[in-house]
Amino acid sequence: MGSKKTRAAVSAVTYILISILAVICVFPFFWMLISALKPKDEIRSAVPSLLIDNPTIDNFRRVLVDNGFLTYIKNSFVVSLAATLISMIIAVLAGYALSRYYRKRIVKASNFMMMLSQMIPGVLLLVPLYMIMQQMHMLETHISLVLAYTTFVIPLCTFMMSSFFDTVPIDLEEAAEIDGCSKAKTLIRVILPVSIPSLISTGLYAFINAWNEFMFGYVLISSDKLRTLTPAIMLFKGANLVDWGGLMAASVISVLPVTIIFLFLQKYFLAGLMSGSVKG
């Protein structure tokens, strides 16, 4: 009887702590949304309120129409999709090599170098990368962002794909090779079709990483015509004044596409992570 009460008490405390943590995590997004729907006088009120007396979508109208954020959204989609596509192609090939040829020295060396690269903060490479892009005349181009995002996301994407390929039975490949399939055909026709959850989870990670990136987009691009969404949010912060309504509306818009994509693909995302977490 005592053990049941103890378990019940532990469960209650656990649920309470989880609920508190969930509120702490969700509250900033909730505050961002209600602030985006408030008129300017309510945002600047001396006493902040969770209630909206006069809700308005004027902040969203100003962001999308007056400030040309549709261009920034388009640029972010172009850069993020390009970086995701290139990253996935490289990650699939490299991940397959790490999984199936892990005994070879060059594969072991590549694995070690990729792990080592994850210990280097991206900010340390900002100046060298800027100088390289300048020498190659790639500043103020989307190509510079695609290369930067792809470079930094490939190692983890490769490890994610390698972990999943480790769970795919080698018998499938041997059966395909007996039927006359080459390594390339085996990978495309046999391995990839059973890797859909892992492909989606890895691709989603690469896309979100590129979509949310700020530092390289802010430094490598200064043209309004080429600017991506995340650095564009800084336009609402002036030297002496901050347009909080526009800032919050722009933040909501930047979060919305990723949220919608994740809601539709979350079951594949979780399945991909779980399938790659256990080797069998």
Foldseek 3Di string as FASTA:
>chain_A
DVVVVVVVVVVVVVVVVVVVVVCVVCVVLLVLVVLLQEDPCQNPDPDHDSDHPHGDNVLVCCQVPVVVCVLQAVLLVVLLVLLLVVLLVLLLVLLLCCQPVVVDPVNVVVLVVLVVVVVDDPVVCQVVLLVVCVVVVNFQHSVSLSVSLNVVLNSVLNLLNNLLVLQDDCVQVVVVVVVPDDPVCCCVPPVVVVLVLQSVLSSLVSSVSSLQDADCLLPRHDDPSNRHLNVVLCVQDDPPDHPSNNSSSSVCVSVVVSVVVCVVSVVSNVVSNVSSVDRD
